[in-house]
Amino acid sequence: MKIKILFVCHGNICRSPMAEFVMKKLVRDLPAESLADVEFEIASAATSTEEIGNPVYPPARRMLAMHGIDCSGKTARQMTARDYEYYDYIVLMDRNNLRNLRWILPADVYTRETSGPVENRKVSLLMDWAHKCRDVADPWYTGDFQATWDDVNEGCKAMLAQILR
């Protein structure tokens, strides 16, 4: 079985690439028996066009590197309606990202996919997986990449644990 996860934030240069590469590392570090017949495809994208083609923001890249994670080669791209069809999970960093999906997804899909228990939703907020009713801290405004790391790490660990149950 292949599980496809797309992490999404506003620009795809801080939070969503951090989540992408944290989740890839968490999966890579799992014992082989934990994965059994499960394969993961993990990526990230933006809701906006502002940063398309830009690399991961240097402070986010440094935070990942501090934890032994390399994100070289990653460039920002915008989410598409086709991504919605392709990925099993669309995981957003904040409520503004959720609102911005209205411009990417058809209205009926947007309404249907953003309600109900988190494990049954195709579209979710990352911190919902950790049972926290809040957004992932946005370092673009706060400059606090440690807080973002903490949120992303907690959310990804909780999501992976629930998926593998």
N, C-alpha and C. Protein backbone atom coordinates (compact mmCIF):
# COMPACT_ATOMS: atom_id res chain seq x y z
N MET A 1 0.85 -1.18 0.00
CA MET A 1 0.00 0.00 0.00
C MET A 1 0.89 1.24 0.00
N LYS A 2 0.53 2.22 -0.80
CA LYS A 2 1.27 3.47 -0.87
C LYS A 2 0.43 4.58 -0.25
N ILE A 3 1.02 5.32 0.69
CA ILE A 3 0.37 6.44 1.35
C ILE A 3 1.04 7.72 0.86
N LYS A 4 0.22 8.62 0.29
CA LYS A 4 0.75 9.84 -0.31
C LYS A 4 0.29 11.05 0.52
N ILE A 5 1.27 11.82 1.01
CA ILE A 5 1.00 12.97 1.87
C ILE A 5 1.56 14.23 1.23
N LEU A 6 0.73 15.28 1.17
CA LEU A 6 1.18 16.58 0.70
C LEU A 6 1.00 17.59 1.83
N PHE A 7 2.10 18.20 2.27
CA PHE A 7 2.06 19.25 3.28
C PHE A 7 1.97 20.59 2.56
N VAL A 8 1.13 21.49 3.09
CA VAL A 8 0.86 22.76 2.40
C VAL A 8 0.94 23.93 3.38
N CYS A 9 1.65 24.99 2.95
CA CYS A 9 1.63 26.26 3.68
C CYS A 9 1.51 27.39 2.65
N HIS A 10 1.65 28.62 3.09
CA HIS A 10 1.43 29.75 2.19
C HIS A 10 2.46 29.80 1.06
N GLY A 11 3.74 29.77 1.39
CA GLY A 11 4.76 29.97 0.36
C GLY A 11 5.59 28.77 -0.01
N ASN A 12 5.52 27.70 0.78
CA ASN A 12 6.29 26.47 0.56
C ASN A 12 7.80 26.71 0.66
N ILE A 13 8.18 27.62 1.59
CA ILE A 13 9.61 27.83 1.82
C ILE A 13 9.99 27.66 3.29
N CYS A 14 9.03 27.54 4.19
CA CYS A 14 9.34 27.36 5.62
C CYS A 14 8.64 26.13 6.19
N ARG A 15 7.37 26.29 6.56
CA ARG A 15 6.69 25.25 7.32
C ARG A 15 6.41 23.97 6.55
N SER A 16 5.83 24.06 5.36
CA SER A 16 5.50 22.81 4.65
C SER A 16 6.73 22.03 4.21
N PRO A 17 7.82 22.69 3.75
CA PRO A 17 9.00 21.87 3.47
C PRO A 17 9.61 21.28 4.74
N MET A 18 9.53 22.02 5.87
CA MET A 18 10.01 21.44 7.12
C MET A 18 9.22 20.18 7.43
N ALA A 19 7.89 20.25 7.29
CA ALA A 19 7.05 19.07 7.55
C ALA A 19 7.37 17.94 6.57
N GLU A 20 7.55 18.27 5.31
CA GLU A 20 7.89 17.25 4.30
C GLU A 20 9.15 16.48 4.71
N PHE A 21 10.19 17.20 5.04
CA PHE A 21 11.47 16.54 5.32
C PHE A 21 11.52 15.91 6.71
N VAL A 22 10.79 16.46 7.67
CA VAL A 22 10.68 15.81 8.98
C VAL A 22 9.95 14.47 8.82
N MET A 23 8.84 14.48 8.08
CA MET A 23 8.08 13.23 7.90
C MET A 23 8.92 12.20 7.13
N LYS A 24 9.64 12.64 6.13
CA LYS A 24 10.50 11.71 5.39
C LYS A 24 11.52 11.07 6.32
N LYS A 25 12.10 11.86 7.23
CA LYS A 25 13.08 11.32 8.17
C LYS A 25 12.41 10.37 9.16
N LEU A 26 11.24 10.74 9.67
CA LEU A 26 10.53 9.85 10.59
C LEU A 26 10.25 8.50 9.94
N VAL A 27 9.81 8.53 8.70
CA VAL A 27 9.52 7.28 7.97
C VAL A 27 10.81 6.50 7.74
N ARG A 28 11.85 7.19 7.32
CA ARG A 28 13.14 6.54 7.06
C ARG A 28 13.71 5.88 8.33
N ASP A 29 13.46 6.49 9.48
CA ASP A 29 13.99 5.99 10.74
C ASP A 29 13.16 4.87 11.37
N LEU A 30 12.01 4.56 10.79
CA LEU A 30 11.17 3.48 11.32
C LEU A 30 11.84 2.13 11.12
N PRO A 31 11.65 1.22 12.06
CA PRO A 31 12.13 -0.15 11.82
C PRO A 31 11.37 -0.75 10.63
N ALA A 32 12.05 -1.55 9.85
CA ALA A 32 11.45 -2.13 8.63
C ALA A 32 10.14 -2.84 8.93
N GLU A 33 10.06 -3.53 10.07
CA GLU A 33 8.84 -4.28 10.39
C GLU A 33 7.65 -3.35 10.65
N SER A 34 7.90 -2.10 11.00
CA SER A 34 6.81 -1.14 11.22
C SER A 34 6.13 -0.78 9.91
N LEU A 35 6.90 -0.84 8.83
CA LEU A 35 6.36 -0.45 7.53
C LEU A 35 5.65 -1.58 6.82
N ALA A 36 6.02 -2.83 7.12
CA ALA A 36 5.40 -4.00 6.49
C ALA A 36 5.26 -3.76 4.99
N ASP A 37 4.03 -3.63 4.52
CA ASP A 37 3.78 -3.43 3.09
C ASP A 37 3.41 -1.98 2.78
N VAL A 38 3.85 -1.05 3.63
CA VAL A 38 3.50 0.35 3.46
C VAL A 38 4.67 1.12 2.86
N GLU A 39 4.35 1.91 1.85
CA GLU A 39 5.33 2.79 1.22
C GLU A 39 4.77 4.21 1.30
N PHE A 40 5.64 5.19 1.48
CA PHE A 40 5.20 6.58 1.60
C PHE A 40 5.73 7.41 0.45
N GLU A 41 4.90 8.35 0.00
CA GLU A 41 5.33 9.41 -0.92
C GLU A 41 4.96 10.71 -0.22
N ILE A 42 5.95 11.55 0.03
CA ILE A 42 5.76 12.75 0.83
C ILE A 42 6.30 13.95 0.07
N ALA A 43 5.49 15.02 -0.01
CA ALA A 43 5.89 16.23 -0.74
C ALA A 43 5.29 17.44 -0.03
N SER A 44 5.57 18.62 -0.58
CA SER A 44 4.98 19.84 -0.03
C SER A 44 4.73 20.84 -1.15
N ALA A 45 3.84 21.80 -0.86
CA ALA A 45 3.45 22.80 -1.85
C ALA A 45 2.92 24.04 -1.14
N ALA A 46 2.65 25.08 -1.92
CA ALA A 46 2.14 26.35 -1.41
C ALA A 46 0.71 26.57 -1.87
N THR A 47 0.01 27.45 -1.15
CA THR A 47 -1.29 27.89 -1.65
C THR A 47 -1.11 29.11 -2.56
N SER A 48 0.00 29.82 -2.41
CA SER A 48 0.23 31.05 -3.19
C SER A 48 1.26 30.80 -4.30
N THR A 49 1.41 31.81 -5.14
CA THR A 49 2.41 31.75 -6.22
C THR A 49 3.65 32.57 -5.89
N GLU A 50 3.66 33.23 -4.75
CA GLU A 50 4.71 34.21 -4.42
C GLU A 50 6.13 33.66 -4.44
N GLU A 51 6.31 32.44 -4.00
CA GLU A 51 7.67 31.91 -3.83
C GLU A 51 8.03 30.80 -4.82
N ILE A 52 7.20 30.57 -5.83
CA ILE A 52 7.44 29.47 -6.77
C ILE A 52 8.87 29.52 -7.30
N GLY A 53 9.55 28.37 -7.22
CA GLY A 53 10.91 28.26 -7.72
C GLY A 53 11.98 28.60 -6.70
N ASN A 54 11.59 29.20 -5.58
CA ASN A 54 12.58 29.57 -4.56
C ASN A 54 12.92 28.37 -3.68
N PRO A 55 14.17 28.33 -3.18
CA PRO A 55 14.56 27.24 -2.29
C PRO A 55 13.98 27.43 -0.89
N VAL A 56 14.16 26.45 -0.05
CA VAL A 56 13.73 26.54 1.35
C VAL A 56 14.45 27.74 1.97
N TYR A 57 13.70 28.54 2.72
CA TYR A 57 14.22 29.74 3.37
C TYR A 57 15.42 29.37 4.25
N PRO A 58 16.54 30.10 4.16
CA PRO A 58 17.76 29.70 4.87
C PRO A 58 17.60 29.36 6.36
N PRO A 59 16.86 30.15 7.17
CA PRO A 59 16.73 29.74 8.58
C PRO A 59 15.99 28.41 8.75
N ALA A 60 15.03 28.12 7.88
CA ALA A 60 14.33 26.83 7.94
C ALA A 60 15.29 25.72 7.53
N ARG A 61 16.08 25.98 6.51
CA ARG A 61 17.08 25.00 6.06
C ARG A 61 18.09 24.71 7.18
N ARG A 62 18.52 25.77 7.89
CA ARG A 62 19.46 25.59 9.01
C ARG A 62 18.84 24.79 10.14
N MET A 63 17.57 25.04 10.44
CA MET A 63 16.89 24.30 11.51
C MET A 63 16.83 22.81 11.15
N LEU A 64 16.49 22.51 9.93
CA LEU A 64 16.48 21.10 9.50
C LEU A 64 17.88 20.50 9.60
N ALA A 65 18.89 21.23 9.15
CA ALA A 65 20.27 20.73 9.19
C ALA A 65 20.73 20.47 10.62
N MET A 66 20.27 21.30 11.57
CA MET A 66 20.62 21.09 12.98
C MET A 66 20.13 19.73 13.48
N HIS A 67 19.11 19.20 12.82
CA HIS A 67 18.53 17.91 13.20
C HIS A 67 18.94 16.81 12.22
N GLY A 68 19.97 17.08 11.43
CA GLY A 68 20.50 16.07 10.52
C GLY A 68 19.66 15.84 9.28
N ILE A 69 18.87 16.83 8.89
CA ILE A 69 17.97 16.68 7.74
C ILE A 69 18.42 17.60 6.61
N ASP A 70 18.63 17.03 5.44
CA ASP A 70 19.04 17.78 4.25
C ASP A 70 17.84 18.01 3.35
N CYS A 71 17.62 19.26 2.97
CA CYS A 71 16.49 19.57 2.07
C CYS A 71 16.99 20.20 0.78
N SER A 72 18.26 20.02 0.45
CA SER A 72 18.80 20.65 -0.75
C SER A 72 18.05 20.14 -1.99
N GLY A 73 17.86 21.05 -2.92
CA GLY A 73 17.16 20.72 -4.15
C GLY A 73 15.67 21.02 -4.10
N LYS A 74 15.12 21.22 -2.92
CA LYS A 74 13.69 21.52 -2.79
C LYS A 74 13.43 22.95 -3.23
N THR A 75 12.46 23.13 -4.12
CA THR A 75 12.02 24.47 -4.51
C THR A 75 10.51 24.55 -4.35
N ALA A 76 10.04 25.76 -4.11
CA ALA A 76 8.62 25.97 -3.87
C ALA A 76 7.80 25.76 -5.14
N ARG A 77 6.62 25.19 -4.93
CA ARG A 77 5.65 25.03 -6.02
C ARG A 77 4.26 25.24 -5.44
N GLN A 78 3.31 25.54 -6.30
CA GLN A 78 1.93 25.75 -5.85
C GLN A 78 1.13 24.47 -5.97
N MET A 79 0.27 24.25 -4.99
CA MET A 79 -0.65 23.11 -5.03
C MET A 79 -1.63 23.30 -6.19
N THR A 80 -2.06 22.20 -6.77
CA THR A 80 -3.03 22.23 -7.86
C THR A 80 -4.22 21.34 -7.51
N ALA A 81 -5.28 21.47 -8.26
CA ALA A 81 -6.44 20.59 -8.08
C ALA A 81 -6.04 19.14 -8.36
N ARG A 82 -5.11 18.94 -9.25
CA ARG A 82 -4.63 17.59 -9.55
C ARG A 82 -3.96 16.96 -8.31
N ASP A 83 -3.26 17.78 -7.53
CA ASP A 83 -2.67 17.29 -6.28
C ASP A 83 -3.74 16.74 -5.36
N TYR A 84 -4.87 17.43 -5.33
CA TYR A 84 -5.98 16.97 -4.48
C TYR A 84 -6.39 15.55 -4.88
N GLU A 85 -6.47 15.30 -6.15
CA GLU A 85 -6.86 13.97 -6.63
C GLU A 85 -5.79 12.93 -6.33
N TYR A 86 -4.54 13.33 -6.41
CA TYR A 86 -3.42 12.38 -6.31
C TYR A 86 -3.09 11.97 -4.87
N TYR A 87 -3.03 12.93 -3.97
CA TYR A 87 -2.57 12.64 -2.61
C TYR A 87 -3.70 12.11 -1.73
N ASP A 88 -3.33 11.23 -0.79
CA ASP A 88 -4.29 10.70 0.17
C ASP A 88 -4.58 11.70 1.28
N TYR A 89 -3.56 12.45 1.67
CA TYR A 89 -3.68 13.43 2.75
C TYR A 89 -3.12 14.76 2.28
N ILE A 90 -3.92 15.82 2.45
CA ILE A 90 -3.48 17.19 2.22
C ILE A 90 -3.43 17.82 3.62
N VAL A 91 -2.22 18.12 4.09
CA VAL A 91 -2.03 18.56 5.48
C VAL A 91 -1.56 20.01 5.50
N LEU A 92 -2.40 20.86 6.06
CA LEU A 92 -2.16 22.30 6.04
C LEU A 92 -1.54 22.77 7.35
N MET A 93 -0.82 23.87 7.28
CA MET A 93 -0.14 24.39 8.45
C MET A 93 -1.01 25.35 9.26
N ASP A 94 -1.96 26.02 8.62
CA ASP A 94 -2.81 26.95 9.38
C ASP A 94 -4.16 27.16 8.70
N ARG A 95 -5.03 27.85 9.41
CA ARG A 95 -6.39 28.09 8.92
C ARG A 95 -6.42 28.99 7.69
N ASN A 96 -5.46 29.89 7.56
CA ASN A 96 -5.40 30.71 6.35
C ASN A 96 -5.13 29.84 5.13
N ASN A 97 -4.28 28.83 5.27
CA ASN A 97 -4.05 27.90 4.16
C ASN A 97 -5.35 27.21 3.80
N LEU A 98 -6.13 26.86 4.81
CA LEU A 98 -7.42 26.20 4.59
C LEU A 98 -8.34 27.11 3.79
N ARG A 99 -8.41 28.38 4.17
CA ARG A 99 -9.25 29.33 3.43
C ARG A 99 -8.75 29.50 2.00
N ASN A 100 -7.44 29.52 1.82
CA ASN A 100 -6.88 29.70 0.48
C ASN A 100 -7.15 28.52 -0.45
N LEU A 101 -7.45 27.36 0.12
CA LEU A 101 -7.79 26.20 -0.72
C LEU A 101 -9.05 26.46 -1.54
N ARG A 102 -9.89 27.38 -1.08
CA ARG A 102 -11.11 27.70 -1.84
C ARG A 102 -10.78 28.11 -3.27
N TRP A 103 -9.60 28.69 -3.48
CA TRP A 103 -9.22 29.17 -4.81
C TRP A 103 -8.60 28.06 -5.64
N ILE A 104 -8.31 26.92 -5.00
CA ILE A 104 -7.66 25.81 -5.69
C ILE A 104 -8.63 24.65 -5.93
N LEU A 105 -9.49 24.39 -4.93
CA LEU A 105 -10.41 23.25 -5.01
C LEU A 105 -11.83 23.71 -5.32
N PRO A 106 -12.62 22.87 -5.99
CA PRO A 106 -14.03 23.19 -6.19
C PRO A 106 -14.74 23.32 -4.84
N ALA A 107 -15.76 24.17 -4.76
CA ALA A 107 -16.44 24.48 -3.50
C ALA A 107 -16.98 23.24 -2.80
N ASP A 108 -17.58 22.31 -3.54
CA ASP A 108 -18.16 21.13 -2.90
C ASP A 108 -17.07 20.26 -2.27
N VAL A 109 -15.93 20.19 -2.90
CA VAL A 109 -14.81 19.42 -2.36
C VAL A 109 -14.29 20.11 -1.11
N TYR A 110 -14.12 21.42 -1.17
CA TYR A 110 -13.61 22.18 -0.03
C TYR A 110 -14.49 21.96 1.20
N THR A 111 -15.79 22.05 1.04
CA THR A 111 -16.72 21.88 2.17
C THR A 111 -16.72 20.45 2.68
N ARG A 112 -16.78 19.49 1.79
CA ARG A 112 -16.86 18.08 2.18
C ARG A 112 -15.59 17.61 2.88
N GLU A 113 -14.45 18.07 2.42
CA GLU A 113 -13.18 17.53 2.89
C GLU A 113 -12.60 18.22 4.10
N THR A 114 -13.27 19.21 4.65
CA THR A 114 -12.69 19.93 5.79
C THR A 114 -13.52 19.76 7.05
N SER A 115 -14.29 18.68 7.14
CA SER A 115 -15.07 18.43 8.35
C SER A 115 -14.99 16.95 8.71
N GLY A 116 -15.31 16.65 9.97
CA GLY A 116 -15.27 15.27 10.45
C GLY A 116 -13.98 14.97 11.19
N PRO A 117 -13.85 13.74 11.73
CA PRO A 117 -12.65 13.35 12.47
C PRO A 117 -11.40 13.44 11.59
N VAL A 118 -10.30 13.91 12.17
CA VAL A 118 -9.08 14.16 11.40
C VAL A 118 -8.60 12.93 10.64
N GLU A 119 -8.68 11.76 11.25
CA GLU A 119 -8.17 10.56 10.58
C GLU A 119 -9.03 10.16 9.38
N ASN A 120 -10.24 10.70 9.28
CA ASN A 120 -11.12 10.39 8.15
C ASN A 120 -11.11 11.48 7.08
N ARG A 121 -10.38 12.55 7.31
CA ARG A 121 -10.37 13.67 6.38
C ARG A 121 -9.21 13.57 5.40
N LYS A 122 -9.47 13.95 4.19
CA LYS A 122 -8.38 14.07 3.21
C LYS A 122 -7.62 15.37 3.48
N VAL A 123 -8.32 16.41 3.87
CA VAL A 123 -7.73 17.71 4.16
C VAL A 123 -7.77 17.94 5.67
N SER A 124 -6.61 18.27 6.24
CA SER A 124 -6.56 18.50 7.70
C SER A 124 -5.51 19.55 8.02
N LEU A 125 -5.55 20.01 9.26
CA LEU A 125 -4.49 20.87 9.79
C LEU A 125 -3.51 19.97 10.53
N LEU A 126 -2.22 20.21 10.38
CA LEU A 126 -1.21 19.34 10.99
C LEU A 126 -1.41 19.19 12.49
N MET A 127 -1.67 20.28 13.19
CA MET A 127 -1.77 20.19 14.65
C MET A 127 -3.02 19.45 15.10
N ASP A 128 -4.02 19.28 14.23
CA ASP A 128 -5.19 18.45 14.57
C ASP A 128 -4.76 17.02 14.86
N TRP A 129 -3.72 16.54 14.18
CA TRP A 129 -3.25 15.17 14.38
C TRP A 129 -2.70 14.99 15.79
N ALA A 130 -2.18 16.08 16.37
CA ALA A 130 -1.65 16.05 17.74
C ALA A 130 -2.72 16.48 18.75
N HIS A 131 -3.96 16.58 18.28
CA HIS A 131 -5.10 16.99 19.12
C HIS A 131 -4.88 18.37 19.73
N LYS A 132 -4.28 19.25 18.95
CA LYS A 132 -4.07 20.64 19.36
C LYS A 132 -4.86 21.52 18.41
N CYS A 133 -5.72 22.32 18.96
CA CYS A 133 -6.58 23.18 18.13
C CYS A 133 -5.86 24.51 17.89
N ARG A 134 -4.80 24.45 17.10
CA ARG A 134 -4.05 25.67 16.77
C ARG A 134 -3.23 25.45 15.51
N ASP A 135 -2.73 26.57 15.00
CA ASP A 135 -1.91 26.54 13.80
C ASP A 135 -0.46 26.20 14.14
N VAL A 136 0.28 25.74 13.14
CA VAL A 136 1.73 25.59 13.27
C VAL A 136 2.30 27.01 13.31
N ALA A 137 3.18 27.26 14.27
CA ALA A 137 3.80 28.59 14.41
C ALA A 137 4.44 29.00 13.08
N ASP A 138 4.18 30.24 12.66
CA ASP A 138 4.70 30.72 11.38
C ASP A 138 5.97 31.56 11.60
N PRO A 139 7.13 31.00 11.27
CA PRO A 139 8.38 31.71 11.54
C PRO A 139 8.62 32.91 10.62
N TRP A 140 7.86 32.98 9.53
CA TRP A 140 8.01 34.12 8.63
C TRP A 140 7.72 35.42 9.37
N TYR A 141 6.76 35.34 10.31
CA TYR A 141 6.36 36.53 11.08
C TYR A 141 7.03 36.60 12.44
N THR A 142 7.30 35.44 13.05
CA THR A 142 7.85 35.44 14.41
C THR A 142 9.37 35.34 14.44
N GLY A 143 9.96 34.75 13.41
CA GLY A 143 11.39 34.50 13.41
C GLY A 143 11.79 33.35 14.32
N ASP A 144 10.81 32.69 14.93
CA ASP A 144 11.07 31.61 15.89
C ASP A 144 10.99 30.26 15.19
N PHE A 145 12.08 29.86 14.58
CA PHE A 145 12.11 28.60 13.85
C PHE A 145 12.11 27.39 14.78
N GLN A 146 12.53 27.59 16.03
CA GLN A 146 12.48 26.49 17.00
C GLN A 146 11.03 26.14 17.33
N ALA A 147 10.17 27.14 17.51
CA ALA A 147 8.75 26.88 17.78
C ALA A 147 8.12 26.15 16.60
N THR A 148 8.49 26.55 15.39
CA THR A 148 7.97 25.87 14.20
C THR A 148 8.46 24.43 14.16
N TRP A 149 9.75 24.22 14.41
CA TRP A 149 10.29 22.86 14.47
C TRP A 149 9.50 22.02 15.47
N ASP A 150 9.28 22.56 16.66
CA ASP A 150 8.58 21.82 17.71
C ASP A 150 7.18 21.42 17.25
N ASP A 151 6.45 22.36 16.65
CA ASP A 151 5.09 22.06 16.16
C ASP A 151 5.12 21.01 15.06
N VAL A 152 6.00 21.21 14.09
CA VAL A 152 6.08 20.29 12.94
C VAL A 152 6.46 18.89 13.41
N ASN A 153 7.43 18.80 14.27
CA ASN A 153 7.88 17.51 14.78
C ASN A 153 6.76 16.80 15.54
N GLU A 154 6.08 17.54 16.41
CA GLU A 154 4.97 16.96 17.18
C GLU A 154 3.84 16.51 16.26
N GLY A 155 3.46 17.37 15.31
CA GLY A 155 2.38 17.04 14.40
C GLY A 155 2.69 15.86 13.51
N CYS A 156 3.90 15.82 12.96
CA CYS A 156 4.29 14.72 12.07
C CYS A 156 4.36 13.39 12.83
N LYS A 157 4.92 13.41 14.03
CA LYS A 157 4.98 12.18 14.83
C LYS A 157 3.58 11.66 15.13
N ALA A 158 2.67 12.56 15.51
CA ALA A 158 1.30 12.15 15.83
C ALA A 158 0.60 11.61 14.58
N MET A 159 0.78 12.28 13.46
CA MET A 159 0.15 11.83 12.21
C MET A 159 0.65 10.46 11.81
N LEU A 160 1.96 10.27 11.84
CA LEU A 160 2.53 8.99 11.44
C LEU A 160 2.04 7.87 12.35
N ALA A 161 1.99 8.12 13.64
CA ALA A 161 1.51 7.10 14.59
C ALA A 161 0.07 6.70 14.28
N GLN A 162 -0.77 7.69 13.96
CA GLN A 162 -2.18 7.38 13.67
C GLN A 162 -2.34 6.67 12.34
N ILE A 163 -1.55 7.03 11.36
CA ILE A 163 -1.62 6.37 10.05
C ILE A 163 -1.20 4.91 10.16
N LEU A 164 -0.18 4.64 10.96
CA LEU A 164 0.36 3.28 11.06
C LEU A 164 -0.40 2.39 12.04
N ARG A 165 -1.39 2.93 12.73
CA ARG A 165 -2.18 2.11 13.68
C ARG A 165 -2.90 1.00 12.97
